[in-house]
């Protein structure tokens, strides 16, 4: 029976489960605690009006129009394609916001305008991806001279802002540093996003982000989705405050609801006890047809999925005042309260990584997605007990996108085959990859993630991997990947639970199934 966002299965119960870019149906045993994301909050009636109101009624600063003067040098920075997941239906809110801002700049006679995708060490967006996010009209008017990706390896155009009192370096793009006003457009998909993090990572470089993206910081951060208790965010806040002292900024942050699936797939968001006979027929059809489709077609179908999100809050002005409001909106939409931890945590893992958009979810990105992000969807304390077991439903293919992830292949084949120890990896290998001329060339001139990026994906997972006792993958296809990553395998959930029982030495372990996506943040009491 279901009660709100938490229910318990009264008998062995079928669920349709994400399985990479496909689906399967499997059973959760009787007594499984099922945590569902809260229902979507109703979006605002008119996103454009809400954004207009936000920028003209900001927190801690003058209305946007009052900040503008003819002859100003204005830079508009925006989040790249890594959020939201999947991408939103058109028009993207970044397009709506930037079109409004450009009109206000034009009305003031401001001509010196640049638009920068804040990719930091992510891969560069393509022209087609710019059109997906910003619309063709903006791209036609600004690309490529006045609309471009940040180049974190352009030494001549990256400048030192300074160092925090704790000696964390802060460097950013020269155009950004020399602008009279920098407007940052942020989509707060989860509570980890936004605030000082946007600027201090998105518009920075390796010298800056290595202070937050390292093993020591991430081991001490605990949950990345609880910013007030995260060392990661504490360092970002210090870096961000230094930026604010040197660069005039104006922030616009936008929160989305979790209405992820288009209507034909809306049943995927339903609780198991809400499913109609029609929904069950659709589930069986998906689970029977999708696995038979070739992998490349599965990926193509998945890449065409667009979220049905709506805007539930827009706030503008001072970064800290704005971010506080936005995080409140995030938690209101995503947070679920539960009592107690479980011995076993189960997750079904779709290929929806911030770093595999229009690409391939490779084994390293899978580990980051499951152990780095899924595990961290909590506040207060983890959903799973210390030395507990995590079970993932995922095919775990040993596939890589050779253009987007060249350094990942090297990292996987030549480092993870030697050691999985994050501290050892960081000490022995990180600098060589970060400074590798070939990887820098591919990052700058192609569409490759920076050479150091796979290290950070591994580091995101290091706390979880040190905390849990065992990982079991249901339906893994690559025996080699299982061996390299030191994961166990099961053909179905029932077998995985039996293996978990043997490991835990418990006949009746407590089991939680966290049913995401859509996103949920679990507050564990």
Protein backbone atom coordinates (compact mmCIF):
# COMPACT_ATOMS: atom_id res chain seq x y z
CA UNK A 1 0.00 0.00 0.00
CA UNK A 2 1.25 3.53 -0.70
CA UNK A 3 1.51 6.40 1.74
CA UNK A 4 2.79 9.62 0.17
CA UNK A 5 6.29 9.25 -1.22
CA UNK A 6 7.20 6.12 0.74
CA UNK A 7 5.54 2.72 0.44
CA UNK A 8 6.25 -0.92 1.33
CA UNK A 9 5.59 -3.83 -0.97
CA UNK A 10 2.98 -6.18 0.53
CA UNK A 11 4.12 -9.04 -1.72
CA UNK A 12 6.73 -9.70 -4.38
CA UNK A 13 5.96 -6.89 -6.82
CA UNK A 14 6.81 -6.27 -10.48
CA UNK A 15 8.46 -2.97 -11.40
CA UNK A 16 9.44 -1.60 -14.77
CA UNK A 17 13.07 -0.61 -14.37
CA UNK A 18 15.42 1.58 -16.34
CA UNK A 19 18.22 -0.53 -17.76
CA UNK A 20 20.67 1.83 -19.42
CA UNK A 21 18.84 3.04 -22.52
CA UNK A 22 16.37 0.17 -22.28
CA UNK A 23 13.94 -1.32 -19.76
CA UNK A 24 13.36 -4.57 -17.94
CA UNK A 25 10.69 -5.84 -15.55
CA UNK A 26 11.85 -7.42 -12.30
CA UNK A 27 10.45 -8.08 -8.83
CA UNK A 28 11.10 -6.30 -5.55
CA UNK A 29 10.60 -8.68 -2.61
CA UNK A 30 7.86 -8.34 -0.05
CA UNK A 31 8.67 -5.67 2.55
CA UNK A 32 10.86 -3.54 0.30
CA UNK A 33 10.72 0.15 1.22
CA UNK A 34 10.10 2.05 -2.00
CA UNK A 35 10.96 5.75 -2.06
CA UNK A 36 9.35 7.80 -4.82
CA UNK A 37 10.12 11.39 -5.81
CA UNK A 38 7.42 13.88 -4.78
CA UNK A 39 4.78 14.70 -7.38
CA UNK A 40 5.63 17.64 -9.68
CA UNK A 41 4.89 21.09 -8.34
CA UNK A 42 2.70 23.05 -10.74
CA UNK A 43 4.81 25.36 -12.87
CA UNK A 44 4.34 29.11 -13.26
CA UNK A 45 1.74 30.22 -15.80
CA UNK A 46 4.21 32.23 -17.91
CA UNK A 47 7.95 31.52 -17.63
CA UNK A 48 8.88 34.69 -19.50
CA UNK A 49 6.88 36.89 -17.13
CA UNK A 50 8.38 35.13 -14.09
CA UNK A 51 11.92 35.66 -15.37
CA UNK A 52 11.17 39.28 -16.25
CA UNK A 53 9.83 39.88 -12.75
CA UNK A 54 12.86 38.19 -11.19
CA UNK A 55 15.47 40.30 -12.96
CA UNK A 56 13.58 43.56 -12.37
CA UNK A 57 12.84 42.72 -8.71
CA UNK A 58 16.18 41.23 -7.65
CA UNK A 59 17.56 40.45 -4.22
CA UNK A 60 20.38 42.61 -2.88
CA UNK A 61 20.93 44.77 -5.95
CA UNK A 62 19.27 47.27 -8.27
CA UNK A 63 16.79 46.11 -10.92
CA UNK A 64 18.64 44.76 -13.94
CA UNK A 65 17.61 47.64 -16.22
CA UNK A 66 19.00 50.14 -13.69
CA UNK A 67 22.44 48.48 -13.84
CA UNK A 68 22.80 49.06 -17.57
CA UNK A 69 24.56 51.99 -19.26
CA UNK A 70 25.42 52.64 -22.86
CA UNK A 71 28.98 51.59 -23.70
CA UNK A 72 29.17 48.79 -21.12
CA UNK A 73 31.00 45.55 -21.78
CA UNK A 74 28.53 42.79 -20.86
CA UNK A 75 29.14 39.04 -20.75
CA UNK A 76 26.34 36.48 -20.41
CA UNK A 77 27.45 33.08 -19.13
CA UNK A 78 25.16 30.07 -19.02
CA UNK A 79 25.14 26.40 -17.97
CA UNK A 80 26.09 23.93 -20.68
CA UNK A 81 24.23 20.80 -21.83
CA UNK A 82 25.05 18.83 -18.68
CA UNK A 83 21.78 20.11 -17.14
CA UNK A 84 18.94 19.30 -17.07
CA UNK A 85 18.71 15.57 -17.74
CA UNK A 86 17.21 14.79 -20.14
CA UNK A 87 17.27 18.15 -21.99
CA UNK A 88 14.10 20.21 -21.74
CA UNK A 89 11.57 20.69 -24.47
CA UNK A 90 11.82 23.90 -26.49
CA UNK A 91 12.12 26.70 -25.74
CA UNK A 92 14.82 26.02 -23.17
CA UNK A 93 14.58 28.42 -20.22
CA UNK A 94 18.11 29.65 -20.97
CA UNK A 95 16.84 30.80 -24.34
CA UNK A 96 13.84 32.55 -22.77
CA UNK A 97 16.03 34.32 -20.22
CA UNK A 98 18.79 35.34 -22.61
CA UNK A 99 16.34 36.68 -25.19
CA UNK A 100 14.85 38.92 -22.48
CA UNK A 101 18.27 40.09 -21.35
CA UNK A 102 19.47 40.78 -24.89
CA UNK A 103 16.41 42.93 -25.52
CA UNK A 104 17.15 45.00 -22.42
CA UNK A 105 20.77 45.42 -23.49
CA UNK A 106 19.67 46.52 -26.96
CA UNK A 107 17.19 49.02 -25.48
CA UNK A 108 20.10 50.61 -23.60
CA UNK A 109 22.25 50.76 -26.70
CA UNK A 110 24.76 48.20 -25.42
CA UNK A 111 26.61 46.51 -28.26
CA UNK A 112 29.69 44.92 -26.67
CA UNK A 113 28.08 41.59 -25.71
CA UNK A 114 29.53 38.10 -25.46
CA UNK A 115 27.78 34.82 -24.65
CA UNK A 116 29.92 32.10 -23.06
CA UNK A 117 29.02 28.48 -22.37
CA UNK A 118 30.48 27.78 -18.92
CA UNK A 119 31.97 24.38 -19.71
CA UNK A 120 35.14 24.57 -17.59
CA UNK A 121 36.71 21.14 -18.31
CA UNK A 122 33.64 19.67 -20.02
CA UNK A 123 33.61 19.09 -23.75
CA UNK A 124 32.75 21.98 -26.03
CA UNK A 125 29.19 22.31 -27.23
CA UNK A 126 28.54 21.99 -30.95
CA UNK A 127 26.65 24.56 -32.99
CA UNK A 128 23.66 22.21 -33.07
CA UNK A 129 23.77 21.93 -29.26
CA UNK A 130 23.92 25.72 -28.96
CA UNK A 131 20.77 25.85 -31.09
CA UNK A 132 19.14 23.26 -28.84
CA UNK A 133 19.77 25.40 -25.75
CA UNK A 134 19.56 28.96 -27.11
CA UNK A 135 17.48 28.70 -30.26
CA UNK A 136 18.51 29.42 -33.83
CA UNK A 137 17.96 33.18 -33.71
CA UNK A 138 20.54 33.78 -30.97
CA UNK A 139 23.01 31.37 -32.57
CA UNK A 140 22.62 33.02 -35.97
CA UNK A 141 23.23 36.48 -34.47
CA UNK A 142 26.18 35.65 -32.19
CA UNK A 143 27.92 32.40 -33.17
CA UNK A 144 30.88 31.90 -33.40
CA UNK A 145 32.60 35.26 -32.74
CA UNK A 146 30.34 36.42 -29.91
CA UNK A 147 28.91 33.09 -28.74
CA UNK A 148 31.44 30.44 -27.81
CA UNK A 149 32.59 27.86 -25.27
CA UNK A 150 34.93 28.78 -22.48
CA UNK A 151 38.46 27.59 -23.24
CA UNK A 152 40.04 26.75 -19.88
CA UNK A 153 43.37 26.02 -21.60
CA UNK A 154 43.64 29.37 -23.41
CA UNK A 155 46.55 30.62 -21.29
CA UNK A 156 46.51 34.10 -22.75
CA UNK A 157 42.86 34.58 -21.93
CA UNK A 158 42.74 33.06 -18.43
CA UNK A 159 43.67 35.51 -15.66
CA UNK A 160 44.40 35.18 -11.95
CA UNK A 161 41.77 36.73 -9.68
CA UNK A 162 43.69 35.82 -6.54
CA UNK A 163 43.80 33.24 -3.75
CA UNK A 164 41.50 32.59 -0.82
CA UNK A 165 42.87 32.75 2.73
CA UNK A 166 43.20 28.97 2.52
CA UNK A 167 45.39 29.38 -0.61
CA UNK A 168 42.84 28.13 -3.13
CA UNK A 169 43.64 29.70 -6.49
CA UNK A 170 40.92 31.42 -8.49
CA UNK A 171 41.38 32.02 -12.22
CA UNK A 172 38.78 32.92 -14.83
CA UNK A 173 38.36 34.01 -18.42
CA UNK A 174 39.85 37.41 -19.29
CA UNK A 175 36.70 38.61 -21.01
CA UNK A 176 34.73 37.75 -17.86
CA UNK A 177 37.23 39.45 -15.55
CA UNK A 178 37.29 42.63 -17.65
CA UNK A 179 33.53 42.95 -18.19
CA UNK A 180 31.54 45.76 -16.62
CA UNK A 181 28.82 43.23 -15.85
CA UNK A 182 28.69 39.43 -15.97
CA UNK A 183 25.23 37.87 -16.04
CA UNK A 184 25.14 34.18 -15.10
CA UNK A 185 22.10 32.16 -16.19
CA UNK A 186 21.73 29.02 -14.12
CA UNK A 187 19.29 26.11 -14.18
CA UNK A 188 19.20 24.57 -10.73
CA UNK A 189 18.39 20.99 -11.62
CA UNK A 190 19.48 19.74 -8.17
CA UNK A 191 20.61 21.34 -4.92
CA UNK A 192 24.26 20.71 -5.81
CA UNK A 193 23.98 23.19 -8.69
CA UNK A 194 24.09 26.96 -8.70
CA UNK A 195 25.33 29.53 -6.21
CA UNK A 196 29.06 30.15 -6.11
CA UNK A 197 29.62 26.75 -7.75
CA UNK A 198 28.41 28.01 -11.13
CA UNK A 199 31.10 30.66 -11.51
CA UNK A 200 33.91 29.00 -9.54
CA UNK A 201 33.72 25.84 -11.65
CA UNK A 202 31.96 26.74 -14.90
CA UNK A 203 34.12 29.77 -15.74
CA UNK A 204 37.35 28.45 -14.23
CA UNK A 205 40.23 26.13 -15.12
CA UNK A 206 42.22 23.20 -13.76
CA UNK A 207 44.26 25.42 -11.43
CA UNK A 208 40.99 26.53 -9.79
CA UNK A 209 38.84 23.41 -9.69
CA UNK A 210 41.57 21.11 -8.41
CA UNK A 211 40.97 22.70 -4.98
CA UNK A 212 37.43 21.30 -4.90
CA UNK A 213 37.69 18.27 -7.19
CA UNK A 214 40.17 16.24 -5.17
CA UNK A 215 39.98 13.11 -3.05
CA UNK A 216 40.47 14.80 0.32
CA UNK A 217 37.70 17.36 -0.27
CA UNK A 218 35.23 14.86 -1.68
CA UNK A 219 35.89 12.29 1.05
CA UNK A 220 35.03 14.97 3.62
CA UNK A 221 32.05 16.41 1.76
CA UNK A 222 29.70 13.54 2.52
CA UNK A 223 26.53 14.41 0.60
CA UNK A 224 27.05 16.77 -2.34
CA UNK A 225 23.31 17.47 -2.30
CA UNK A 226 23.36 19.06 1.14
CA UNK A 227 25.42 22.21 0.46
CA UNK A 228 25.48 23.54 4.03
CA UNK A 229 27.27 20.39 5.23
CA UNK A 230 29.51 19.89 2.19
CA UNK A 231 33.21 20.81 2.30
CA UNK A 232 33.05 21.00 -1.49
CA UNK A 233 30.57 23.86 -1.26
CA UNK A 234 32.42 25.56 1.59
CA UNK A 235 35.54 25.89 -0.60
CA UNK A 236 33.43 26.97 -3.58
CA UNK A 237 31.81 29.65 -1.42
CA UNK A 238 35.20 31.05 -0.47
CA UNK A 239 36.33 31.05 -4.10
CA UNK A 240 33.05 32.62 -5.17
CA UNK A 241 33.25 35.41 -2.62
CA UNK A 242 36.71 36.27 -3.93
CA UNK A 243 35.27 36.46 -7.44
CA UNK A 244 32.45 38.72 -6.24
CA UNK A 245 35.00 41.19 -4.84
CA UNK A 246 36.66 41.56 -8.25
CA UNK A 247 33.91 41.01 -10.83
CA UNK A 248 30.51 42.72 -10.99
CA UNK A 249 28.00 39.89 -11.35
CA UNK A 250 24.25 39.49 -11.63
CA UNK A 251 22.77 36.03 -11.11
CA UNK A 252 19.58 34.50 -12.45
CA UNK A 253 18.77 31.06 -11.05
CA UNK A 254 15.80 28.99 -12.17
CA UNK A 255 14.32 25.93 -10.47
CA UNK A 256 12.42 23.24 -12.35
CA UNK A 257 9.77 20.81 -11.27
CA UNK A 258 10.39 17.10 -11.79
CA UNK A 259 7.83 16.51 -14.54
CA UNK A 260 10.45 14.65 -16.50
CA UNK A 261 8.65 12.37 -18.92
CA UNK A 262 6.55 13.40 -21.91
CA UNK A 263 2.92 12.29 -21.68
CA UNK A 264 3.27 8.97 -23.60
CA UNK A 265 5.85 7.89 -21.00
CA UNK A 266 4.15 9.52 -18.03
CA UNK A 267 3.41 6.15 -16.45
CA UNK A 268 7.14 5.82 -15.69
CA UNK A 269 6.67 8.44 -12.96
CA UNK A 270 3.74 6.65 -11.31
CA UNK A 271 3.94 4.72 -8.06
CA UNK A 272 3.58 0.97 -8.55
CA UNK A 273 0.19 0.97 -6.79
CA UNK A 274 -1.12 3.68 -9.18
CA UNK A 275 -0.51 1.76 -12.40
CA UNK A 276 -3.57 1.00 -14.51
CA UNK A 277 -3.94 -2.09 -16.67
CA UNK A 278 -3.08 0.10 -19.65
CA UNK A 279 0.12 1.27 -17.89
CA UNK A 280 1.10 -2.34 -17.19
CA UNK A 281 0.60 -3.27 -20.84
CA UNK A 282 2.79 -0.32 -21.90
CA UNK A 283 5.44 -1.39 -19.39
CA UNK A 284 5.53 -4.94 -20.74
CA UNK A 285 5.72 -3.61 -24.30
CA UNK A 286 8.69 -1.36 -23.48
CA UNK A 287 10.47 -4.17 -21.64
CA UNK A 288 9.94 -6.63 -24.50
CA UNK A 289 10.72 -4.33 -27.45
CA UNK A 290 13.54 -2.04 -26.26
CA UNK A 291 16.09 -4.77 -25.36
CA UNK A 292 15.81 -6.15 -28.92
CA UNK A 293 16.79 -2.83 -30.50
CA UNK A 294 20.52 -2.41 -31.31
CA UNK A 295 22.48 -0.36 -28.80
CA UNK A 296 23.16 2.52 -31.19
CA UNK A 297 19.43 2.86 -31.91
CA UNK A 298 18.61 2.72 -28.20
CA UNK A 299 21.02 5.61 -27.68
CA UNK A 300 19.54 7.57 -30.57
CA UNK A 301 16.01 7.11 -29.20
CA UNK A 302 17.13 8.11 -25.68
CA UNK A 303 18.97 11.19 -26.96
CA UNK A 304 15.72 12.42 -28.51
CA UNK A 305 13.88 12.35 -25.17
CA UNK A 306 12.88 15.81 -23.89
CA UNK A 307 11.81 16.57 -20.36
CA UNK A 308 8.39 17.97 -19.66
CA UNK A 309 9.78 20.30 -16.97
CA UNK A 310 8.16 23.55 -15.91
CA UNK A 311 9.63 26.57 -14.16
CA UNK A 312 8.68 26.66 -10.46
CA UNK A 313 10.88 29.55 -9.34
CA UNK A 314 13.12 32.28 -10.74
CA UNK A 315 15.23 34.56 -8.55
CA UNK A 316 17.84 37.13 -9.49
CA UNK A 317 20.42 39.48 -8.03
CA UNK A 318 22.95 38.76 -5.28
CA UNK A 319 24.34 35.24 -5.61
CA UNK A 320 23.93 34.12 -1.99
CA UNK A 321 20.46 35.59 -1.47
CA UNK A 322 19.29 34.13 -4.76
CA UNK A 323 20.78 30.70 -4.15
CA UNK A 324 19.19 30.38 -0.72
CA UNK A 325 15.76 30.92 -2.29
CA UNK A 326 16.45 28.48 -5.11
CA UNK A 327 17.68 25.67 -2.84
CA UNK A 328 14.48 26.04 -0.79
CA UNK A 329 12.55 25.48 -4.03
CA UNK A 330 14.72 22.46 -4.87
CA UNK A 331 14.13 20.78 -1.54
CA UNK A 332 10.42 21.56 -1.66
CA UNK A 333 10.22 19.72 -4.99
CA UNK A 334 12.64 16.87 -4.40
CA UNK A 335 12.88 16.11 -0.69
CA UNK A 336 11.42 12.97 0.91
CA UNK A 337 11.64 12.26 4.66
CA UNK A 338 12.31 8.68 5.74
CA UNK A 339 13.06 6.92 9.00
CA UNK A 340 16.27 4.96 9.24
CA UNK A 341 18.86 3.46 6.95
CA UNK A 342 18.71 0.16 5.07
CA UNK A 343 21.11 -2.76 4.73
CA UNK A 344 20.55 -2.85 0.97
CA UNK A 345 19.94 0.03 -1.45
CA UNK A 346 18.65 -0.73 -4.96
CA UNK A 347 18.72 1.64 -7.91
CA UNK A 348 17.79 1.28 -11.56
CA UNK A 349 20.25 3.32 -13.58
CA UNK A 350 19.30 5.02 -16.86
CA UNK A 351 22.02 6.34 -19.13
CA UNK A 352 21.41 9.93 -18.01
CA UNK A 353 24.79 11.29 -16.97
CA UNK A 354 25.65 15.00 -17.19
CA UNK A 355 28.70 13.86 -19.15
CA UNK A 356 27.09 11.49 -21.67
CA UNK A 357 24.60 13.85 -23.33
CA UNK A 358 24.49 12.92 -27.04
CA UNK A 359 27.21 10.41 -26.20
CA UNK A 360 27.87 7.07 -24.45
CA UNK A 361 27.75 6.17 -20.78
CA UNK A 362 31.07 4.38 -20.30
CA UNK A 363 31.98 2.30 -17.20
CA UNK A 364 33.64 5.24 -15.41
CA UNK A 365 30.61 7.44 -15.96
CA UNK A 366 28.42 4.60 -14.69
CA UNK A 367 30.42 4.49 -11.45
CA UNK A 368 30.12 8.27 -11.08
CA UNK A 369 26.39 8.15 -11.78
CA UNK A 370 25.65 5.30 -9.36
CA UNK A 371 28.25 5.70 -6.59
CA UNK A 372 28.88 9.41 -7.00
CA UNK A 373 25.39 10.80 -7.59
CA UNK A 374 22.76 8.17 -6.82
CA UNK A 375 24.37 7.26 -3.47
CA UNK A 376 24.58 10.96 -2.56
CA UNK A 377 20.88 11.69 -3.01
CA UNK A 378 20.52 12.15 0.73
CA UNK A 379 20.68 14.65 3.56
CA UNK A 380 21.73 13.95 7.15
CA UNK A 381 23.04 10.42 6.57
CA UNK A 382 23.21 7.89 3.72
CA UNK A 383 20.17 5.81 2.82
CA UNK A 384 22.28 2.65 3.05
CA UNK A 385 24.07 1.58 6.22
CA UNK A 386 27.84 1.58 6.62
CA UNK A 387 29.27 -1.56 4.96
CA UNK A 388 25.89 -2.21 3.37
CA UNK A 389 25.22 -3.39 -0.18
CA UNK A 390 24.24 -1.37 -3.25
CA UNK A 391 22.51 -3.09 -6.16
CA UNK A 392 22.36 -1.45 -9.58
CA UNK A 393 20.21 -2.55 -12.50
CA UNK A 394 22.33 -1.69 -15.54
CA UNK A 395 23.90 -3.43 -18.60
CA UNK A 396 27.41 -2.03 -17.85
CA UNK A 397 28.70 -2.17 -21.40
CA UNK A 398 32.41 -1.64 -21.95
CA UNK A 399 31.74 1.10 -24.52
CA UNK A 400 33.40 4.52 -24.96
CA UNK A 401 32.80 7.55 -27.19
CA UNK A 402 36.19 7.97 -28.81
CA UNK A 403 35.73 11.68 -29.62
CA UNK A 404 34.18 12.81 -26.34
CA UNK A 405 36.07 10.57 -23.91
CA UNK A 406 39.59 9.77 -25.18
CA UNK A 407 41.29 10.24 -21.80
CA UNK A 408 38.63 8.00 -20.23
CA UNK A 409 39.82 5.10 -22.37
CA UNK A 410 43.40 5.64 -21.23
CA UNK A 411 42.29 6.00 -17.60
CA UNK A 412 40.24 2.81 -17.74
CA UNK A 413 42.77 0.65 -19.58
CA UNK A 414 45.99 1.88 -18.02
CA UNK A 415 45.10 3.05 -14.51
CA UNK A 416 42.03 1.19 -13.23
CA UNK A 417 43.58 -2.09 -14.37
CA UNK A 418 46.44 -1.33 -11.94
CA UNK A 419 44.62 0.21 -8.97
CA UNK A 420 41.19 1.43 -7.86
CA UNK A 421 42.59 3.44 -4.95
CA UNK A 422 41.59 7.07 -5.50
CA UNK A 423 44.41 8.50 -3.38
CA UNK A 424 47.02 6.50 -5.24
CA UNK A 425 45.49 7.43 -8.60
CA UNK A 426 45.47 11.11 -7.68
CA UNK A 427 49.07 11.09 -6.48
CA UNK A 428 50.61 9.03 -9.29
CA UNK A 429 48.66 9.92 -12.41
CA UNK A 430 46.45 13.02 -12.23
CA UNK A 431 49.03 15.66 -13.12
CA UNK A 432 50.28 13.73 -16.16
CA UNK A 433 46.75 13.53 -17.60
CA UNK A 434 45.90 17.12 -16.69
CA UNK A 435 48.98 18.48 -18.47
CA UNK A 436 49.05 15.98 -21.35
CA UNK A 437 49.51 18.06 -24.56
CA UNK A 438 47.48 15.68 -26.72
CA UNK A 439 44.49 15.72 -24.36
CA UNK A 440 44.71 19.50 -24.10
CA UNK A 441 44.73 19.72 -27.90
CA UNK A 442 41.66 17.48 -28.18
CA UNK A 443 39.85 19.49 -25.48
CA UNK A 444 40.62 22.79 -27.25
CA UNK A 445 40.17 21.81 -30.89
CA UNK A 446 37.69 18.95 -30.82
CA UNK A 447 34.81 17.96 -28.53
CA UNK A 448 36.72 16.01 -25.91
CA UNK A 449 36.44 16.25 -22.16
CA UNK A 450 39.62 17.53 -20.56
CA UNK A 451 42.32 14.96 -19.83
CA UNK A 452 41.75 15.21 -16.07
CA UNK A 453 37.98 14.73 -16.26
CA UNK A 454 37.85 10.93 -15.71
CA UNK A 455 39.84 11.42 -12.50
CA UNK A 456 37.16 13.70 -11.16
CA UNK A 457 34.45 11.21 -12.05
CA UNK A 458 36.32 8.58 -10.07
CA UNK A 459 36.86 10.94 -7.14
CA UNK A 460 33.12 11.78 -6.97
CA UNK A 461 32.60 8.10 -6.15
CA UNK A 462 35.41 7.61 -3.64
CA UNK A 463 33.41 8.27 -0.45
CA UNK A 464 30.66 5.84 -1.45
CA UNK A 465 33.15 3.15 -2.49
CA UNK A 466 34.93 3.46 0.86
CA UNK A 467 31.62 3.46 2.78
CA UNK A 468 29.69 0.53 1.31
CA UNK A 469 30.74 -3.09 1.59
CA UNK A 470 29.70 -4.46 -1.79
CA UNK A 471 28.29 -3.51 -5.21
CA UNK A 472 26.21 -5.96 -7.26
CA UNK A 473 25.20 -5.22 -10.86
CA UNK A 474 22.04 -6.86 -12.17
CA UNK A 475 22.26 -7.57 -15.88
CA UNK A 476 25.89 -6.51 -16.48
CA UNK A 477 27.03 -7.49 -19.98
CA UNK A 478 30.79 -7.01 -19.61
CA UNK A 479 32.59 -9.56 -17.43
CA UNK A 480 35.81 -7.61 -17.96
CA UNK A 481 34.26 -4.39 -16.62
CA UNK A 482 33.01 -6.24 -13.55
CA UNK A 483 36.49 -7.63 -12.94
CA UNK A 484 38.25 -4.28 -13.42
CA UNK A 485 35.80 -2.41 -11.19
CA UNK A 486 35.62 -5.22 -8.60
CA UNK A 487 31.82 -5.53 -8.74
CA UNK A 488 29.72 -8.66 -8.33
CA UNK A 489 27.03 -9.70 -10.81
CA UNK A 490 23.53 -11.17 -10.65
CA UNK A 491 21.07 -12.16 -13.35
CA UNK A 492 18.11 -10.62 -11.49
CA UNK A 493 17.21 -8.76 -8.29
CA UNK A 494 16.29 -11.94 -6.41
CA UNK A 495 19.75 -13.40 -7.01
CA UNK A 496 21.39 -10.09 -6.11
CA UNK A 497 19.55 -9.99 -2.79
CA UNK A 498 20.60 -13.55 -1.98
CA UNK A 499 24.22 -12.56 -2.61
CA UNK A 500 23.73 -9.47 -0.45
CA UNK A 501 22.32 -11.60 2.37
CA UNK A 502 25.33 -13.90 2.24
CA UNK A 503 27.70 -10.91 2.35
CA UNK A 504 25.83 -9.20 5.17
CA UNK A 505 25.31 -12.47 7.05
CA UNK A 506 21.66 -11.47 7.57
CA UNK A 507 18.64 -13.56 6.69
CA UNK A 508 16.20 -10.63 6.70
CA UNK A 509 18.09 -7.46 5.75
CA UNK A 510 16.20 -4.21 5.33
CA UNK A 511 15.85 -3.19 1.68
CA UNK A 512 15.19 0.19 0.08
CA UNK A 513 14.47 0.80 -3.59
CA UNK A 514 14.98 4.46 -4.49
CA UNK A 515 12.85 4.92 -7.60
CA UNK A 516 14.62 7.60 -9.59
CA UNK A 517 14.46 9.28 -12.05
CA UNK A 518 12.82 11.74 -11.57
CA UNK A 519 15.21 13.09 -8.93
CA UNK A 520 14.54 12.76 -5.21
CA UNK A 521 16.61 13.94 -2.25
CA UNK A 522 16.10 11.71 0.76
CA UNK A 523 16.34 13.18 4.26
CA UNK A 524 17.17 10.23 6.50
CA UNK A 525 16.18 10.57 10.15
